[in-house]
Amino acid sequence: MSWSKFSAQEKNELLFRIVNSESSQPVAYATIKFTKSNNGTIANILGDFRIPIHYIKDSEILNISCIGYY
């Protein structure tokens, strides 16, 4: 599983996509957790998720998990 910055939608948030590193197919409904703030989000069916820009400025670490991946 890997992730990449997809595009910036607004000044205050970033859009990312999680994909399978072997097939480049989206990983639907992956769980994204931020270690410092203990907040999180879930990717949509296309593997996309948005995060506020301040998480990047705060040097947040993302933990990404999904059933069936290790």
PDB file of N, CA and C in Angstrom:
ATOM      1  N   MET A   1       0.852  -1.158   0.000  1.00  0.00           N
ATOM      2  CA  MET A   1       0.000   0.000   0.000  1.00  0.00           C
ATOM      3  C   MET A   1       0.899   1.222   0.000  1.00  0.00           C
ATOM      4  N   SER A   2       0.551   2.204  -0.777  1.00  0.00           N
ATOM      5  CA  SER A   2       1.287   3.461  -0.784  1.00  0.00           C
ATOM      6  C   SER A   2       0.287   4.601  -0.941  1.00  0.00           C
ATOM      7  N   TRP A   3       0.763   5.812  -0.742  1.00  0.00           N
ATOM      8  CA  TRP A   3      -0.096   6.975  -0.877  1.00  0.00           C
ATOM      9  C   TRP A   3       0.661   8.057  -1.600  1.00  0.00           C
ATOM     10  N   SER A   4      -0.071   8.948  -2.217  1.00  0.00           N
ATOM     11  CA  SER A   4       0.560  10.073  -2.879  1.00  0.00           C
ATOM     12  C   SER A   4      -0.345  11.286  -2.790  1.00  0.00           C
ATOM     13  N   LYS A   5       0.284  12.451  -2.823  1.00  0.00           N
ATOM     14  CA  LYS A   5      -0.489  13.693  -2.838  1.00  0.00           C
ATOM     15  C   LYS A   5      -1.111  13.811  -4.209  1.00  0.00           C
ATOM     16  N   PHE A   6      -2.410  13.930  -4.251  1.00  0.00           N
ATOM     17  CA  PHE A   6      -3.144  13.933  -5.503  1.00  0.00           C
ATOM     18  C   PHE A   6      -3.298  15.337  -6.060  1.00  0.00           C
ATOM     19  N   SER A   7      -3.752  16.250  -5.238  1.00  0.00           N
ATOM     20  CA  SER A   7      -3.875  17.654  -5.633  1.00  0.00           C
ATOM     21  C   SER A   7      -4.338  18.478  -4.443  1.00  0.00           C
ATOM     22  N   ALA A   8      -4.188  19.752  -4.555  1.00  0.00           N
ATOM     23  CA  ALA A   8      -4.683  20.667  -3.524  1.00  0.00           C
ATOM     24  C   ALA A   8      -6.043  21.180  -3.977  1.00  0.00           C
ATOM     25  N   GLN A   9      -7.066  20.928  -3.187  1.00  0.00           N
ATOM     26  CA  GLN A   9      -8.413  21.355  -3.540  1.00  0.00           C
ATOM     27  C   GLN A   9      -8.715  22.762  -3.038  1.00  0.00           C
ATOM     28  N   GLU A  10      -8.268  23.069  -1.877  1.00  0.00           N
ATOM     29  CA  GLU A  10      -8.471  24.383  -1.279  1.00  0.00           C
ATOM     30  C   GLU A  10      -7.179  24.773  -0.583  1.00  0.00           C
ATOM     31  N   LYS A  11      -7.064  26.014  -0.199  1.00  0.00           N
ATOM     32  CA  LYS A  11      -5.867  26.473   0.488  1.00  0.00           C
ATOM     33  C   LYS A  11      -5.684  25.800   1.846  1.00  0.00           C
ATOM     34  N   ASN A  12      -6.754  25.364   2.471  1.00  0.00           N
ATOM     35  CA  ASN A  12      -6.680  24.840   3.831  1.00  0.00           C
ATOM     36  C   ASN A  12      -6.663  23.319   3.923  1.00  0.00           C
ATOM     37  N   GLU A  13      -6.674  22.619   2.794  1.00  0.00           N
ATOM     38  CA  GLU A  13      -6.652  21.157   2.851  1.00  0.00           C
ATOM     39  C   GLU A  13      -5.906  20.568   1.650  1.00  0.00           C
ATOM     40  N   LEU A  14      -5.463  19.324   1.844  1.00  0.00           N
ATOM     41  CA  LEU A  14      -4.772  18.586   0.787  1.00  0.00           C
ATOM     42  C   LEU A  14      -5.536  17.299   0.510  1.00  0.00           C
ATOM     43  N   LEU A  15      -5.539  16.873  -0.742  1.00  0.00           N
ATOM     44  CA  LEU A  15      -6.199  15.636  -1.134  1.00  0.00           C
ATOM     45  C   LEU A  15      -5.133  14.597  -1.456  1.00  0.00           C
ATOM     46  N   PHE A  16      -5.268  13.406  -0.877  1.00  0.00           N
ATOM     47  CA  PHE A  16      -4.344  12.300  -1.094  1.00  0.00           C
ATOM     48  C   PHE A  16      -5.111  11.103  -1.641  1.00  0.00           C
ATOM     49  N   ARG A  17      -4.377  10.176  -2.269  1.00  0.00           N
ATOM     50  CA  ARG A  17      -4.970   8.921  -2.742  1.00  0.00           C
ATOM     51  C   ARG A  17      -4.097   7.765  -2.275  1.00  0.00           C
ATOM     52  N   ILE A  18      -4.737   6.729  -1.722  1.00  0.00           N
ATOM     53  CA  ILE A  18      -4.043   5.519  -1.297  1.00  0.00           C
ATOM     54  C   ILE A  18      -4.232   4.475  -2.385  1.00  0.00           C
ATOM     55  N   VAL A  19      -3.109   3.899  -2.842  1.00  0.00           N
ATOM     56  CA  VAL A  19      -3.159   2.900  -3.903  1.00  0.00           C
ATOM     57  C   VAL A  19      -2.349   1.665  -3.516  1.00  0.00           C
ATOM     58  N   ASN A  20      -2.703   0.542  -4.102  1.00  0.00           N
ATOM     59  CA  ASN A  20      -1.946  -0.691  -3.954  1.00  0.00           C
ATOM     60  C   ASN A  20      -0.628  -0.506  -4.694  1.00  0.00           C
ATOM     61  N   SER A  21       0.495  -0.736  -4.022  1.00  0.00           N
ATOM     62  CA  SER A  21       1.802  -0.468  -4.629  1.00  0.00           C
ATOM     63  C   SER A  21       2.139  -1.427  -5.761  1.00  0.00           C
ATOM     64  N   GLU A  22       1.493  -2.585  -5.813  1.00  0.00           N
ATOM     65  CA  GLU A  22       1.759  -3.539  -6.893  1.00  0.00           C
ATOM     66  C   GLU A  22       0.866  -3.321  -8.105  1.00  0.00           C
ATOM     67  N   SER A  23      -0.409  -3.032  -7.872  1.00  0.00           N
ATOM     68  CA  SER A  23      -1.357  -2.918  -8.987  1.00  0.00           C
ATOM     69  C   SER A  23      -1.728  -1.481  -9.337  1.00  0.00           C
ATOM     70  N   SER A  24      -1.377  -0.535  -8.481  1.00  0.00           N
ATOM     71  CA  SER A  24      -1.745   0.884  -8.624  1.00  0.00           C
ATOM     72  C   SER A  24      -3.256   1.114  -8.556  1.00  0.00           C
ATOM     73  N   GLN A  25      -3.998   0.133  -8.055  1.00  0.00           N
ATOM     74  CA  GLN A  25      -5.438   0.279  -7.878  1.00  0.00           C
ATOM     75  C   GLN A  25      -5.721   0.974  -6.549  1.00  0.00           C
ATOM     76  N   PRO A  26      -6.792   1.772  -6.480  1.00  0.00           N
ATOM     77  CA  PRO A  26      -7.134   2.453  -5.226  1.00  0.00           C
ATOM     78  C   PRO A  26      -7.434   1.462  -4.101  1.00  0.00           C
ATOM     79  N   VAL A  27      -7.102   1.859  -2.880  1.00  0.00           N
ATOM     80  CA  VAL A  27      -7.438   1.079  -1.689  1.00  0.00           C
ATOM     81  C   VAL A  27      -8.633   1.772  -1.036  1.00  0.00           C
ATOM     82  N   ALA A  28      -9.794   1.179  -1.212  1.00  0.00           N
ATOM     83  CA  ALA A  28     -11.036   1.779  -0.717  1.00  0.00           C
ATOM     84  C   ALA A  28     -11.163   1.632   0.793  1.00  0.00           C
ATOM     85  N   TYR A  29     -11.650   2.673   1.429  1.00  0.00           N
ATOM     86  CA  TYR A  29     -12.019   2.692   2.846  1.00  0.00           C
ATOM     87  C   TYR A  29     -10.866   2.400   3.806  1.00  0.00           C
ATOM     88  N   ALA A  30      -9.651   2.764   3.426  1.00  0.00           N
ATOM     89  CA  ALA A  30      -8.518   2.638   4.341  1.00  0.00           C
ATOM     90  C   ALA A  30      -8.712   3.615   5.502  1.00  0.00           C
ATOM     91  N   THR A  31      -8.169   3.257   6.654  1.00  0.00           N
ATOM     92  CA  THR A  31      -8.255   4.100   7.841  1.00  0.00           C
ATOM     93  C   THR A  31      -6.961   4.897   7.974  1.00  0.00           C
ATOM     94  N   ILE A  32      -7.075   6.186   8.183  1.00  0.00           N
ATOM     95  CA  ILE A  32      -5.927   7.077   8.340  1.00  0.00           C
ATOM     96  C   ILE A  32      -6.003   7.668   9.741  1.00  0.00           C
ATOM     97  N   LYS A  33      -4.948   7.474  10.526  1.00  0.00           N
ATOM     98  CA  LYS A  33      -4.902   7.995  11.893  1.00  0.00           C
ATOM     99  C   LYS A  33      -3.685   8.907  12.026  1.00  0.00           C
ATOM    100  N   PHE A  34      -3.870  10.021  12.708  1.00  0.00           N
ATOM    101  CA  PHE A  34      -2.807  10.981  12.959  1.00  0.00           C
ATOM    102  C   PHE A  34      -2.265  10.737  14.356  1.00  0.00           C
ATOM    103  N   THR A  35      -0.973  10.501  14.477  1.00  0.00           N
ATOM    104  CA  THR A  35      -0.413  10.062  15.750  1.00  0.00           C
ATOM    105  C   THR A  35      -0.387  11.135  16.834  1.00  0.00           C
ATOM    106  N   LYS A  36      -0.054  12.362  16.513  1.00  0.00           N
ATOM    107  CA  LYS A  36       0.047  13.406  17.537  1.00  0.00           C
ATOM    108  C   LYS A  36      -1.316  13.840  18.062  1.00  0.00           C
ATOM    109  N   SER A  37      -2.252  14.063  17.174  1.00  0.00           N
ATOM    110  CA  SER A  37      -3.557  14.583  17.584  1.00  0.00           C
ATOM    111  C   SER A  37      -4.549  13.483  17.920  1.00  0.00           C
ATOM    112  N   ASN A  38      -4.250  12.258  17.531  1.00  0.00           N
ATOM    113  CA  ASN A  38      -5.136  11.108  17.743  1.00  0.00           C
ATOM    114  C   ASN A  38      -6.457  11.256  16.998  1.00  0.00           C
ATOM    115  N   ASN A  39      -6.492  12.090  15.965  1.00  0.00           N
ATOM    116  CA  ASN A  39      -7.653  12.221  15.075  1.00  0.00           C
ATOM    117  C   ASN A  39      -7.446  11.305  13.885  1.00  0.00           C
ATOM    118  N   GLY A  40      -8.458  11.183  13.068  1.00  0.00           N
ATOM    119  CA  GLY A  40      -8.318  10.357  11.887  1.00  0.00           C
ATOM    120  C   GLY A  40      -9.434  10.571  10.894  1.00  0.00           C
ATOM    121  N   THR A  41      -9.362   9.807   9.802  1.00  0.00           N
ATOM    122  CA  THR A  41     -10.363   9.872   8.756  1.00  0.00           C
ATOM    123  C   THR A  41     -10.367   8.534   8.028  1.00  0.00           C
ATOM    124  N   ILE A  42     -11.272   8.388   7.089  1.00  0.00           N
ATOM    125  CA  ILE A  42     -11.365   7.173   6.286  1.00  0.00           C
ATOM    126  C   ILE A  42     -11.367   7.569   4.816  1.00  0.00           C
ATOM    127  N   ALA A  43     -10.602   6.825   4.017  1.00  0.00           N
ATOM    128  CA  ALA A  43     -10.575   7.070   2.573  1.00  0.00           C
ATOM    129  C   ALA A  43     -11.918   6.668   1.960  1.00  0.00           C
ATOM    130  N   ASN A  44     -12.255   7.278   0.840  1.00  0.00           N
ATOM    131  CA  ASN A  44     -13.499   6.918   0.157  1.00  0.00           C
ATOM    132  C   ASN A  44     -13.265   5.706  -0.755  1.00  0.00           C
ATOM    133  N   ILE A  45     -14.233   5.362  -1.570  1.00  0.00           N
ATOM    134  CA  ILE A  45     -14.142   4.184  -2.428  1.00  0.00           C
ATOM    135  C   ILE A  45     -13.005   4.282  -3.453  1.00  0.00           C
ATOM    136  N   LEU A  46     -12.587   5.506  -3.778  1.00  0.00           N
ATOM    137  CA  LEU A  46     -11.478   5.719  -4.720  1.00  0.00           C
ATOM    138  C   LEU A  46     -10.124   5.795  -4.019  1.00  0.00           C
ATOM    139  N   GLY A  47     -10.119   5.624  -2.701  1.00  0.00           N
ATOM    140  CA  GLY A  47      -8.878   5.718  -1.936  1.00  0.00           C
ATOM    141  C   GLY A  47      -8.486   7.145  -1.599  1.00  0.00           C
ATOM    142  N   ASP A  48      -9.359   8.096  -1.885  1.00  0.00           N
ATOM    143  CA  ASP A  48      -9.068   9.512  -1.644  1.00  0.00           C
ATOM    144  C   ASP A  48      -9.433   9.920  -0.217  1.00  0.00           C
ATOM    145  N   PHE A  49      -8.620  10.815   0.333  1.00  0.00           N
ATOM    146  CA  PHE A  49      -8.950  11.432   1.614  1.00  0.00           C
ATOM    147  C   PHE A  49      -8.324  12.812   1.669  1.00  0.00           C
ATOM    148  N   ARG A  50      -8.935  13.677   2.457  1.00  0.00           N
ATOM    149  CA  ARG A  50      -8.461  15.060   2.617  1.00  0.00           C
ATOM    150  C   ARG A  50      -7.988  15.265   4.048  1.00  0.00           C
ATOM    151  N   ILE A  51      -6.946  16.089   4.169  1.00  0.00           N
ATOM    152  CA  ILE A  51      -6.509  16.480   5.513  1.00  0.00           C
ATOM    153  C   ILE A  51      -6.270  17.982   5.533  1.00  0.00           C
ATOM    154  N   PRO A  52      -6.514  18.603   6.674  1.00  0.00           N
ATOM    155  CA  PRO A  52      -6.239  20.037   6.807  1.00  0.00           C
ATOM    156  C   PRO A  52      -4.737  20.304   6.690  1.00  0.00           C
ATOM    157  N   ILE A  53      -4.381  21.398   6.085  1.00  0.00           N
ATOM    158  CA  ILE A  53      -2.983  21.766   5.863  1.00  0.00           C
ATOM    159  C   ILE A  53      -2.211  21.900   7.174  1.00  0.00           C
ATOM    160  N   HIS A  54      -2.868  22.266   8.272  1.00  0.00           N
ATOM    161  CA  HIS A  54      -2.154  22.456   9.536  1.00  0.00           C
ATOM    162  C   HIS A  54      -1.582  21.143  10.066  1.00  0.00           C
ATOM    163  N   TYR A  55      -2.126  19.991   9.649  1.00  0.00           N
ATOM    164  CA  TYR A  55      -1.539  18.715  10.060  1.00  0.00           C
ATOM    165  C   TYR A  55      -0.137  18.567   9.484  1.00  0.00           C
ATOM    166  N   ILE A  56       0.076  19.055   8.280  1.00  0.00           N
ATOM    167  CA  ILE A  56       1.404  19.008   7.658  1.00  0.00           C
ATOM    168  C   ILE A  56       2.334  19.968   8.386  1.00  0.00           C
ATOM    169  N   LYS A  57       1.852  21.159   8.678  1.00  0.00           N
ATOM    170  CA  LYS A  57       2.653  22.153   9.391  1.00  0.00           C
ATOM    171  C   LYS A  57       3.016  21.683  10.790  1.00  0.00           C
ATOM    172  N   ASP A  58       2.142  20.869  11.410  1.00  0.00           N
ATOM    173  CA  ASP A  58       2.395  20.342  12.749  1.00  0.00           C
ATOM    174  C   ASP A  58       3.229  19.066  12.726  1.00  0.00           C
ATOM    175  N   SER A  59       3.725  18.678  11.548  1.00  0.00           N
ATOM    176  CA  SER A  59       4.546  17.471  11.364  1.00  0.00           C
ATOM    177  C   SER A  59       3.840  16.217  11.864  1.00  0.00           C
ATOM    178  N   GLU A  60       2.566  16.105  11.581  1.00  0.00           N
ATOM    179  CA  GLU A  60       1.800  14.912  11.948  1.00  0.00           C
ATOM    180  C   GLU A  60       2.326  13.699  11.188  1.00  0.00           C
ATOM    181  N   ILE A  61       2.272  12.548  11.828  1.00  0.00           N
ATOM    182  CA  ILE A  61       2.627  11.279  11.200  1.00  0.00           C
ATOM    183  C   ILE A  61       1.338  10.540  10.910  1.00  0.00           C
ATOM    184  N   LEU A  62       1.202  10.039   9.675  1.00  0.00           N
ATOM    185  CA  LEU A  62       0.010   9.298   9.287  1.00  0.00           C
ATOM    186  C   LEU A  62       0.254   7.805   9.448  1.00  0.00           C
ATOM    187  N   ASN A  63      -0.680   7.129  10.091  1.00  0.00           N
ATOM    188  CA  ASN A  63      -0.705   5.672  10.136  1.00  0.00           C
ATOM    189  C   ASN A  63      -1.879   5.238   9.279  1.00  0.00           C
ATOM    190  N   ILE A  64      -1.594   4.459   8.230  1.00  0.00           N
ATOM    191  CA  ILE A  64      -2.625   4.025   7.296  1.00  0.00           C
ATOM    192  C   ILE A  64      -2.776   2.520   7.404  1.00  0.00           C
ATOM    193  N   SER A  65      -4.014   2.077   7.545  1.00  0.00           N
ATOM    194  CA  SER A  65      -4.269   0.645   7.636  1.00  0.00           C
ATOM    195  C   SER A  65      -5.548   0.302   6.862  1.00  0.00           C
ATOM    196  N   CYS A  66      -5.624  -0.956   6.473  1.00  0.00           N
ATOM    197  CA  CYS A  66      -6.821  -1.439   5.774  1.00  0.00           C
ATOM    198  C   CYS A  66      -6.859  -2.958   5.930  1.00  0.00           C
ATOM    199  N   ILE A  67      -8.033  -3.485   6.184  1.00  0.00           N
ATOM    200  CA  ILE A  67      -8.179  -4.934   6.327  1.00  0.00           C
ATOM    201  C   ILE A  67      -7.674  -5.609   5.055  1.00  0.00           C
ATOM    202  N   GLY A  68      -6.830  -6.612   5.214  1.00  0.00           N
ATOM    203  CA  GLY A  68      -6.295  -7.342   4.074  1.00  0.00           C
ATOM    204  C   GLY A  68      -4.910  -6.884   3.645  1.00  0.00           C
ATOM    205  N   TYR A  69      -4.390  -5.821   4.264  1.00  0.00           N
ATOM    206  CA  TYR A  69      -3.047  -5.322   3.967  1.00  0.00           C
ATOM    207  C   TYR A  69      -2.193  -5.389   5.217  1.00  0.00           C
ATOM    208  N   TYR A  70      -0.918  -5.616   5.034  1.00  0.00           N
ATOM    209  CA  TYR A  70       0.020  -5.633   6.169  1.00  0.00           C
ATOM    210  C   TYR A  70       1.312  -4.968   5.796  1.00  0.00           C
TER     211      TYR A  70
END
